[in-house]
């Protein structure tokens, strides 16, 4: 009987048995498994990986991968009403043209060995974001909104010296997990209830949980579920009277028409710049920002990089570089207040290009377009019998919850049927907010047309069956 040959995958490094044996011998290890001795047995995968037969040629591998990729359906082919943190916005061609330039496009943290204008471009980004947010100081983008919110909370803890943070319970469960991970074990996270009718923060519950240990309150506006929190100033005043800070998460695409948080008492503002000229990239095109006023007690608590402008020895010439570099973990190393590694600097450069292109009028037009189209979608969907849209009795921007409870249809079944009609339906909230029942989070941006929204309305009407439109 012929001995079965061992499989060798040319595109998996070091898969040749002879090379494996040589490497193990070099480091004095008998088996590959010995390298994972620290991993408990119950956490190890015991079965064999379901890999296809080895493909020996590049062409064969390409054909195999192309066949897999063609199964995927993107927002180019389908109409998407998904949101929840990553949004389908228009990306002007100039954004990709600039961020693909070699002086900006690098493999790690946007950090080339020579600076051909990157520091200036990030300074310009920070300046444009500062104008949009009505804040003085904005950091170089960090990973995403979740990390930005977590860092903002840790900043509040260091500034106030208090060890408790209050968080609105209308928040992305994923973001909440990141916040709790960042805060543990130093900061205790307590949830504040929402009003069942409006979704807004329950001020009575907030007041009852404020204490001398409260470092701040974190809420989002627009919220994770799309409604606009109109109590921002009241929330900030209550926090300030207690010696706590107001931390607000915001979608920057809303600030062309909505009041920036700084104007209703926010001490720290954070969010994500994905909607500012950055592709979704399968959920990876994210970049978190943090913004404050130019107050030393706030500035010195930023763990991330800040770029400023200064004069040089040449009259009329300016340079750009780090501000208070000594406060970062790059300088303090293990003594740093918070470790910061890779930044989404390239996303910052891209967002700077977008904001420079749009200008104040462009951002206002963007916000107006999103607001008008989302309101039209609300009107059309709410006309379907048995459907309530929005679920909360509040004003909404870009996203809103659609209540399907009276239809008796599960969201997963509705979305499966919508896929057959070329539509990505709203995000199923059944696992995130089980108390809502059959509800979905829908998102409408400037890319949606009247035809798209009408197609969604007609498709939902057909899927939900009898009743049609009122």
Protein backbone atom coordinates (compact mmCIF):
# COMPACT_ATOMS: atom_id res chain seq x y z
CA UNK A 1 0.00 0.00 0.00
CA UNK A 2 1.39 3.36 -1.04
CA UNK A 3 2.23 5.65 1.87
CA UNK A 4 0.06 8.78 1.86
CA UNK A 5 2.11 11.90 1.18
CA UNK A 6 1.91 14.81 3.58
CA UNK A 7 0.11 17.86 2.24
CA UNK A 8 2.21 20.89 1.46
CA UNK A 9 0.51 24.28 0.99
CA UNK A 10 2.86 26.55 -0.98
CA UNK A 11 1.04 29.68 0.18
CA UNK A 12 1.12 28.77 3.88
CA UNK A 13 4.60 29.65 5.21
CA UNK A 14 6.76 26.79 6.49
CA UNK A 15 4.26 24.05 5.63
CA UNK A 16 6.96 21.80 4.12
CA UNK A 17 7.54 18.96 6.65
CA UNK A 18 11.33 19.00 6.28
CA UNK A 19 11.46 22.73 7.00
CA UNK A 20 9.20 22.31 10.03
CA UNK A 21 11.47 19.59 11.44
CA UNK A 22 14.56 21.70 10.87
CA UNK A 23 13.02 24.70 12.63
CA UNK A 24 11.86 22.60 15.59
CA UNK A 25 15.33 21.11 15.92
CA UNK A 26 16.90 24.56 15.83
CA UNK A 27 14.83 25.80 18.77
CA UNK A 28 15.05 22.53 20.69
CA UNK A 29 11.39 21.52 20.53
CA UNK A 30 10.12 18.05 19.68
CA UNK A 31 6.61 18.87 18.43
CA UNK A 32 4.61 21.89 17.28
CA UNK A 33 2.22 21.24 20.17
CA UNK A 34 5.04 21.97 22.64
CA UNK A 35 4.95 25.60 21.57
CA UNK A 36 1.38 25.87 22.88
CA UNK A 37 1.97 24.25 26.26
CA UNK A 38 0.66 27.35 28.06
CA UNK A 39 -2.74 27.06 26.37
CA UNK A 40 -5.16 24.88 28.37
CA UNK A 41 -6.21 21.67 26.66
CA UNK A 42 -9.91 22.58 26.75
CA UNK A 43 -9.23 25.68 24.66
CA UNK A 44 -7.35 23.87 21.91
CA UNK A 45 -9.02 22.88 18.64
CA UNK A 46 -8.62 19.12 18.31
CA UNK A 47 -10.12 18.46 14.89
CA UNK A 48 -8.44 18.93 11.54
CA UNK A 49 -9.00 22.14 9.66
CA UNK A 50 -11.35 21.82 6.71
CA UNK A 51 -8.84 22.98 4.12
CA UNK A 52 -9.16 22.24 0.40
CA UNK A 53 -6.51 20.18 -1.40
CA UNK A 54 -3.22 22.08 -1.89
CA UNK A 55 -3.17 24.32 -4.97
CA UNK A 56 0.29 24.23 -6.41
CA UNK A 57 0.05 27.13 -8.86
CA UNK A 58 -0.73 30.80 -8.41
CA UNK A 59 -3.30 30.64 -11.19
CA UNK A 60 -5.15 27.74 -9.58
CA UNK A 61 -5.22 29.56 -6.27
CA UNK A 62 -6.53 32.72 -7.92
CA UNK A 63 -9.37 30.82 -9.60
CA UNK A 64 -10.25 29.15 -6.33
CA UNK A 65 -10.35 32.47 -4.44
CA UNK A 66 -12.29 34.23 -7.21
CA UNK A 67 -14.96 31.55 -7.02
CA UNK A 68 -15.30 32.23 -3.29
CA UNK A 69 -15.36 36.01 -3.72
CA UNK A 70 -18.12 35.89 -6.34
CA UNK A 71 -20.44 34.44 -3.69
CA UNK A 72 -20.16 37.66 -1.71
CA UNK A 73 -22.71 40.41 -2.26
CA UNK A 74 -21.69 43.96 -1.40
CA UNK A 75 -23.38 47.34 -1.19
CA UNK A 76 -22.36 47.87 -4.80
CA UNK A 77 -24.78 45.17 -5.96
CA UNK A 78 -27.38 45.32 -3.19
CA UNK A 79 -29.14 48.26 -1.53
CA UNK A 80 -28.03 48.43 2.09
CA UNK A 81 -30.03 49.80 5.01
CA UNK A 82 -27.54 48.51 7.56
CA UNK A 83 -25.85 50.86 10.01
CA UNK A 84 -25.06 50.37 13.67
CA UNK A 85 -21.57 51.87 13.57
CA UNK A 86 -20.38 51.45 9.98
CA UNK A 87 -22.19 53.38 7.25
CA UNK A 88 -22.58 53.45 3.49
CA UNK A 89 -21.70 57.06 2.61
CA UNK A 90 -20.46 58.50 -0.64
CA UNK A 91 -16.65 58.53 -0.87
CA UNK A 92 -15.44 61.29 -3.22
CA UNK A 93 -12.79 60.06 -5.67
CA UNK A 94 -10.28 62.62 -4.40
CA UNK A 95 -10.22 60.93 -0.98
CA UNK A 96 -8.85 57.70 -2.47
CA UNK A 97 -6.56 59.64 -4.80
CA UNK A 98 -4.87 61.41 -1.89
CA UNK A 99 -4.71 58.58 0.65
CA UNK A 100 -3.08 56.27 -1.91
CA UNK A 101 -0.09 58.59 -2.30
CA UNK A 102 3.17 57.03 -1.13
CA UNK A 103 3.88 59.78 1.42
CA UNK A 104 0.69 58.83 3.26
CA UNK A 105 0.04 55.16 2.47
CA UNK A 106 2.27 53.05 4.73
CA UNK A 107 2.04 49.63 6.29
CA UNK A 108 2.14 50.68 9.93
CA UNK A 109 0.36 53.51 11.75
CA UNK A 110 0.82 55.98 8.92
CA UNK A 111 4.42 56.34 10.11
CA UNK A 112 6.92 56.75 7.23
CA UNK A 113 10.61 57.20 7.85
CA UNK A 114 10.45 60.58 6.19
CA UNK A 115 7.67 63.10 6.63
CA UNK A 116 6.57 64.54 3.28
CA UNK A 117 3.68 66.58 4.63
CA UNK A 118 2.01 63.95 6.81
CA UNK A 119 2.38 65.97 10.00
CA UNK A 120 0.87 69.00 8.30
CA UNK A 121 -1.99 66.96 6.80
CA UNK A 122 -2.85 65.56 10.26
CA UNK A 123 -2.62 69.05 11.76
CA UNK A 124 -5.06 70.25 9.10
CA UNK A 125 -7.34 67.29 9.87
CA UNK A 126 -7.32 68.15 13.57
CA UNK A 127 -8.04 71.80 12.77
CA UNK A 128 -10.97 70.96 10.50
CA UNK A 129 -12.40 68.52 13.04
CA UNK A 130 -11.96 71.15 15.75
CA UNK A 131 -14.01 73.58 13.69
CA UNK A 132 -16.72 71.01 13.03
CA UNK A 133 -16.87 70.01 16.71
CA UNK A 134 -16.37 73.56 18.04
CA UNK A 135 -13.48 72.25 20.14
CA UNK A 136 -9.84 73.37 20.37
CA UNK A 137 -7.94 70.09 20.61
CA UNK A 138 -8.47 66.92 18.55
CA UNK A 139 -6.22 63.86 18.58
CA UNK A 140 -4.74 61.84 15.74
CA UNK A 141 -7.37 59.11 15.13
CA UNK A 142 -7.22 56.04 17.32
CA UNK A 143 -8.63 52.59 16.42
CA UNK A 144 -12.36 53.32 16.47
CA UNK A 145 -15.23 54.94 18.36
CA UNK A 146 -15.19 52.24 21.04
CA UNK A 147 -11.58 52.89 21.96
CA UNK A 148 -12.09 56.66 21.75
CA UNK A 149 -15.04 56.45 24.17
CA UNK A 150 -13.08 54.17 26.50
CA UNK A 151 -10.09 56.49 26.50
CA UNK A 152 -12.33 59.53 27.07
CA UNK A 153 -13.77 57.78 30.14
CA UNK A 154 -10.30 56.95 31.47
CA UNK A 155 -9.32 60.58 30.92
CA UNK A 156 -12.33 61.65 33.01
CA UNK A 157 -11.29 59.24 35.76
CA UNK A 158 -7.77 60.69 35.89
CA UNK A 159 -8.98 64.30 35.75
CA UNK A 160 -11.57 63.95 38.51
CA UNK A 161 -9.81 61.30 40.58
CA UNK A 162 -13.13 59.41 40.79
CA UNK A 163 -13.66 55.74 40.04
CA UNK A 164 -17.19 55.43 38.66
CA UNK A 165 -18.69 56.21 35.27
CA UNK A 166 -22.36 56.35 34.32
CA UNK A 167 -23.31 55.17 30.83
CA UNK A 168 -26.64 55.38 29.01
CA UNK A 169 -28.04 51.89 28.47
CA UNK A 170 -28.90 52.81 24.85
CA UNK A 171 -25.44 51.98 23.61
CA UNK A 172 -23.93 49.42 21.27
CA UNK A 173 -23.34 46.23 23.31
CA UNK A 174 -20.03 45.81 21.48
CA UNK A 175 -18.94 49.31 22.49
CA UNK A 176 -20.06 48.70 26.05
CA UNK A 177 -17.92 45.55 26.22
CA UNK A 178 -14.87 47.51 25.07
CA UNK A 179 -15.57 50.25 27.61
CA UNK A 180 -15.87 47.73 30.44
CA UNK A 181 -12.67 46.02 29.29
CA UNK A 182 -10.77 49.33 29.30
CA UNK A 183 -12.20 50.38 32.66
CA UNK A 184 -11.66 47.11 34.54
CA UNK A 185 -10.59 46.99 37.31
CA UNK A 186 -10.02 50.71 37.93
CA UNK A 187 -13.36 52.23 36.95
CA UNK A 188 -16.79 50.87 37.83
CA UNK A 189 -19.31 51.16 34.97
CA UNK A 190 -22.96 51.75 35.96
CA UNK A 191 -25.83 51.87 33.50
CA UNK A 192 -28.48 54.62 33.43
CA UNK A 193 -31.97 53.70 32.23
CA UNK A 194 -33.75 55.23 29.26
CA UNK A 195 -37.31 56.48 28.94
CA UNK A 196 -39.32 53.64 27.29
CA UNK A 197 -41.38 56.06 25.20
CA UNK A 198 -38.68 58.40 23.90
CA UNK A 199 -35.44 56.45 24.40
CA UNK A 200 -33.86 59.51 26.02
CA UNK A 201 -31.88 59.37 29.25
CA UNK A 202 -34.04 58.88 32.35
CA UNK A 203 -33.07 61.99 34.35
CA UNK A 204 -34.53 60.66 37.59
CA UNK A 205 -32.47 57.47 37.34
CA UNK A 206 -29.43 59.55 36.39
CA UNK A 207 -29.89 61.81 39.40
CA UNK A 208 -30.30 58.86 41.77
CA UNK A 209 -27.02 57.32 40.59
CA UNK A 210 -24.91 60.49 40.69
CA UNK A 211 -22.54 60.42 43.67
CA UNK A 212 -19.23 61.75 44.93
CA UNK A 213 -17.61 58.79 43.16
CA UNK A 214 -19.00 59.70 39.70
CA UNK A 215 -16.28 60.76 37.26
CA UNK A 216 -18.73 61.48 34.45
CA UNK A 217 -21.70 60.53 32.34
CA UNK A 218 -21.28 59.07 28.85
CA UNK A 219 -24.11 59.24 26.34
CA UNK A 220 -24.37 59.48 22.55
CA UNK A 221 -26.15 62.04 20.38
CA UNK A 222 -27.52 60.90 17.99
CA UNK A 223 -27.85 57.72 19.97
CA UNK A 224 -26.89 54.23 18.85
CA UNK A 225 -30.55 53.79 17.89
CA UNK A 226 -30.68 57.06 15.97
CA UNK A 227 -32.81 59.34 18.12
CA UNK A 228 -31.63 62.82 19.08
CA UNK A 229 -30.98 63.45 22.78
CA UNK A 230 -32.38 66.94 23.45
CA UNK A 231 -31.51 66.91 27.16
CA UNK A 232 -27.78 67.41 26.64
CA UNK A 233 -27.48 70.70 28.51
CA UNK A 234 -29.55 69.42 31.45
CA UNK A 235 -27.43 66.27 31.65
CA UNK A 236 -24.21 68.32 31.58
CA UNK A 237 -25.48 70.73 34.23
CA UNK A 238 -26.44 67.87 36.54
CA UNK A 239 -23.02 66.27 36.07
CA UNK A 240 -21.14 69.54 36.63
CA UNK A 241 -23.10 70.36 39.79
CA UNK A 242 -21.86 67.03 41.12
CA UNK A 243 -18.25 67.69 40.09
CA UNK A 244 -18.45 65.16 37.25
CA UNK A 245 -17.76 65.54 33.52
CA UNK A 246 -20.06 65.26 30.51
CA UNK A 247 -18.71 62.93 27.79
CA UNK A 248 -20.65 62.82 24.53
CA UNK A 249 -20.26 60.43 21.60
CA UNK A 250 -21.28 62.00 18.30
CA UNK A 251 -21.57 61.12 14.60
CA UNK A 252 -19.69 63.94 12.82
CA UNK A 253 -21.89 63.64 9.72
CA UNK A 254 -24.72 65.08 11.84
CA UNK A 255 -22.87 68.27 12.80
CA UNK A 256 -23.74 70.17 9.65
CA UNK A 257 -27.26 70.55 11.04
CA UNK A 258 -27.12 69.54 14.73
CA UNK A 259 -25.60 71.59 17.55
CA UNK A 260 -22.14 70.30 18.49
CA UNK A 261 -21.90 68.81 22.01
CA UNK A 262 -19.50 71.54 23.13
CA UNK A 263 -22.42 73.97 22.99
CA UNK A 264 -24.49 71.96 25.46
CA UNK A 265 -21.86 71.44 28.10
CA UNK A 266 -19.74 68.52 26.87
CA UNK A 267 -16.26 68.41 28.37
CA UNK A 268 -15.00 65.57 26.14
CA UNK A 269 -16.42 64.65 22.74
CA UNK A 270 -15.62 61.43 20.89
CA UNK A 271 -16.85 59.42 17.92
CA UNK A 272 -15.79 57.86 14.62
CA UNK A 273 -14.71 59.42 11.33
CA UNK A 274 -15.71 56.49 9.10
CA UNK A 275 -18.49 58.56 7.52
CA UNK A 276 -16.03 61.25 6.41
CA UNK A 277 -14.80 59.91 3.08
CA UNK A 278 -13.75 56.44 4.26
CA UNK A 279 -15.03 53.20 2.73
CA UNK A 280 -16.67 50.62 4.99
CA UNK A 281 -13.96 48.06 4.16
CA UNK A 282 -16.08 45.21 5.58
CA UNK A 283 -16.33 47.06 8.91
CA UNK A 284 -12.64 47.97 9.10
CA UNK A 285 -12.63 51.56 7.84
CA UNK A 286 -12.85 53.07 11.32
CA UNK A 287 -11.01 55.81 13.18
CA UNK A 288 -11.89 57.18 16.61
CA UNK A 289 -11.49 60.82 17.61
CA UNK A 290 -11.35 62.61 20.96
CA UNK A 291 -11.84 66.37 21.36
CA UNK A 292 -11.65 68.82 24.28
CA UNK A 293 -11.15 72.51 24.95
CA UNK A 294 -7.59 73.83 25.22
CA UNK A 295 -7.28 73.21 28.94
CA UNK A 296 -3.98 71.80 30.23
CA UNK A 297 -5.66 69.42 32.67
CA UNK A 298 -7.48 67.84 29.71
CA UNK A 299 -4.68 68.05 27.14
CA UNK A 300 -2.14 66.35 29.39
CA UNK A 301 -4.47 63.38 29.83
CA UNK A 302 -4.61 62.55 26.12
CA UNK A 303 -2.64 59.33 25.62
CA UNK A 304 -2.67 59.72 21.83
CA UNK A 305 -0.65 62.00 19.58
CA UNK A 306 -1.48 65.64 18.98
CA UNK A 307 0.10 67.70 16.21
CA UNK A 308 0.70 71.43 16.41
CA UNK A 309 2.18 74.22 14.30
CA UNK A 310 5.26 76.27 15.21
CA UNK A 311 7.71 78.71 13.66
CA UNK A 312 11.19 77.66 12.53
CA UNK A 313 14.54 79.41 12.42
CA UNK A 314 13.67 80.56 8.90
CA UNK A 315 11.49 83.66 8.93
CA UNK A 316 8.03 83.03 7.49
CA UNK A 317 8.46 79.25 7.55
CA UNK A 318 6.40 76.93 9.73
CA UNK A 319 6.84 73.40 10.97
CA UNK A 320 4.49 70.74 12.33
CA UNK A 321 5.14 68.26 15.11
CA UNK A 322 4.05 66.57 18.32
CA UNK A 323 2.54 68.59 21.14
CA UNK A 324 3.53 67.57 24.69
CA UNK A 325 5.05 64.33 23.44
CA UNK A 326 6.25 63.54 26.97
CA UNK A 327 2.67 62.68 28.09
CA UNK A 328 2.38 59.74 25.62
CA UNK A 329 3.28 56.11 26.16
CA UNK A 330 5.81 56.52 23.35
CA UNK A 331 7.82 58.74 25.70
CA UNK A 332 6.82 57.38 29.13
CA UNK A 333 6.80 53.73 28.02
CA UNK A 334 5.74 51.50 30.93
CA UNK A 335 4.96 54.56 33.06
CA UNK A 336 2.42 55.82 30.52
CA UNK A 337 -1.13 56.55 31.70
CA UNK A 338 -2.49 54.43 28.88
CA UNK A 339 -0.69 52.53 26.15
CA UNK A 340 -1.31 53.69 22.61
CA UNK A 341 0.07 51.79 19.65
CA UNK A 342 -1.13 51.80 16.07
CA UNK A 343 -3.26 54.78 15.10
CA UNK A 344 -5.66 55.17 12.19
CA UNK A 345 -3.57 58.05 10.88
CA UNK A 346 -4.37 57.32 7.24
CA UNK A 347 -8.08 57.63 8.06
CA UNK A 348 -7.32 61.02 9.58
CA UNK A 349 -5.60 62.19 6.41
CA UNK A 350 -8.61 60.95 4.40
CA UNK A 351 -11.14 62.65 6.67
CA UNK A 352 -9.13 65.87 6.40
CA UNK A 353 -9.37 65.72 2.61
CA UNK A 354 -13.12 65.08 2.87
CA UNK A 355 -13.76 67.98 5.25
CA UNK A 356 -11.63 70.35 3.16
CA UNK A 357 -13.60 69.32 0.08
CA UNK A 358 -17.02 69.65 1.73
CA UNK A 359 -16.55 72.83 3.73
CA UNK A 360 -19.26 74.17 6.07
CA UNK A 361 -21.91 74.37 3.33
CA UNK A 362 -21.15 70.86 2.12
CA UNK A 363 -21.50 69.41 5.61
CA UNK A 364 -24.80 71.25 6.01
CA UNK A 365 -26.04 69.86 2.68
CA UNK A 366 -24.92 66.37 3.75
CA UNK A 367 -26.80 66.55 7.04
CA UNK A 368 -29.90 68.01 5.40
CA UNK A 369 -29.91 65.30 2.72
CA UNK A 370 -29.59 62.50 5.30
CA UNK A 371 -32.30 64.01 7.48
CA UNK A 372 -34.75 64.47 4.59
CA UNK A 373 -34.20 61.00 3.14
CA UNK A 374 -34.42 59.26 6.50
CA UNK A 375 -37.68 61.11 7.27
CA UNK A 376 -39.09 60.04 3.91
CA UNK A 377 -38.13 56.45 4.68
CA UNK A 378 -39.81 56.69 8.08
CA UNK A 379 -43.01 57.94 6.47
CA UNK A 380 -43.06 55.17 3.87
CA UNK A 381 -42.27 52.33 6.27
CA UNK A 382 -44.71 53.54 8.92
CA UNK A 383 -47.50 53.38 6.30
CA UNK A 384 -47.20 49.57 6.21
CA UNK A 385 -49.91 47.98 8.33
CA UNK A 386 -48.65 46.51 11.61
CA UNK A 387 -45.29 48.30 11.39
CA UNK A 388 -44.28 51.10 13.76
CA UNK A 389 -41.53 53.46 12.65
CA UNK A 390 -39.84 54.89 14.54
CA UNK A 391 -40.23 52.84 17.67
CA UNK A 392 -39.31 55.80 19.91
CA UNK A 393 -41.31 59.03 19.99
CA UNK A 394 -38.31 61.27 19.24
CA UNK A 395 -36.59 63.02 16.35
CA UNK A 396 -34.10 60.85 14.50
CA UNK A 397 -31.02 61.31 12.35
CA UNK A 398 -29.84 58.68 9.85
CA UNK A 399 -30.95 55.66 11.92
CA UNK A 400 -34.22 54.57 13.46
CA UNK A 401 -35.76 51.48 15.01
CA UNK A 402 -38.58 49.76 13.10
CA UNK A 403 -40.98 47.75 15.26
CA UNK A 404 -42.33 44.61 13.52
CA UNK A 405 -43.88 43.01 16.62
CA UNK A 406 -47.49 43.34 15.45
CA UNK A 407 -46.68 41.64 12.14
CA UNK A 408 -45.59 38.44 13.88
CA UNK A 409 -42.58 38.17 11.56
CA UNK A 410 -39.08 37.58 12.94
CA UNK A 411 -36.40 39.99 11.75
CA UNK A 412 -34.18 37.18 10.48
CA UNK A 413 -37.01 35.94 8.27
CA UNK A 414 -37.76 39.44 6.98
CA UNK A 415 -34.10 40.05 6.19
CA UNK A 416 -33.77 36.70 4.45
CA UNK A 417 -36.70 37.59 2.20
CA UNK A 418 -35.26 41.07 1.56
CA UNK A 419 -31.98 39.51 0.41
CA UNK A 420 -33.87 37.76 -2.37
CA UNK A 421 -34.97 41.21 -3.52
CA UNK A 422 -31.46 42.64 -3.48
CA UNK A 423 -31.78 44.47 -0.17
CA UNK A 424 -29.75 44.31 3.04
CA UNK A 425 -32.45 44.92 5.66
CA UNK A 426 -32.07 46.61 9.03
CA UNK A 427 -29.85 45.23 11.77
CA UNK A 428 -31.63 42.65 13.90
CA UNK A 429 -31.80 43.93 17.50
CA UNK A 430 -33.21 40.69 18.91
CA UNK A 431 -29.99 39.66 20.65
CA UNK A 432 -28.75 43.13 21.55
CA UNK A 433 -32.05 44.40 22.98
CA UNK A 434 -34.26 41.32 23.50
CA UNK A 435 -36.79 43.41 25.43
CA UNK A 436 -37.70 45.17 22.15
CA UNK A 437 -38.95 41.96 20.56
CA UNK A 438 -39.00 41.89 16.74
CA UNK A 439 -37.25 45.19 16.01
CA UNK A 440 -34.58 46.24 13.50
CA UNK A 441 -32.28 49.24 13.21
CA UNK A 442 -32.53 50.84 9.77
CA UNK A 443 -30.07 53.35 8.34
CA UNK A 444 -30.58 55.87 5.51
CA UNK A 445 -27.78 58.09 4.20
CA UNK A 446 -27.23 60.48 1.31
CA UNK A 447 -26.53 57.58 -1.08
CA UNK A 448 -30.12 56.30 -0.91
CA UNK A 449 -32.50 57.45 -3.61
CA UNK A 450 -36.29 57.72 -3.56
CA UNK A 451 -36.34 54.64 -5.79
CA UNK A 452 -34.27 52.70 -3.23
CA UNK A 453 -36.59 53.62 -0.37
CA UNK A 454 -39.73 52.89 -2.40
CA UNK A 455 -38.27 49.50 -3.33
CA UNK A 456 -37.76 48.78 0.38
CA UNK A 457 -41.33 49.84 1.17
CA UNK A 458 -42.82 47.71 -1.60
CA UNK A 459 -40.67 44.72 -0.68
CA UNK A 460 -41.61 44.90 3.00
CA UNK A 461 -45.28 45.24 2.08
CA UNK A 462 -45.10 42.10 -0.05
CA UNK A 463 -43.09 40.13 2.51
CA UNK A 464 -45.35 40.99 5.43
CA UNK A 465 -48.33 39.76 3.45
CA UNK A 466 -51.89 40.80 3.96
CA UNK A 467 -52.63 44.30 5.14
CA UNK A 468 -50.49 46.22 2.70
CA UNK A 469 -50.39 49.95 3.20
CA UNK A 470 -52.81 52.01 5.20
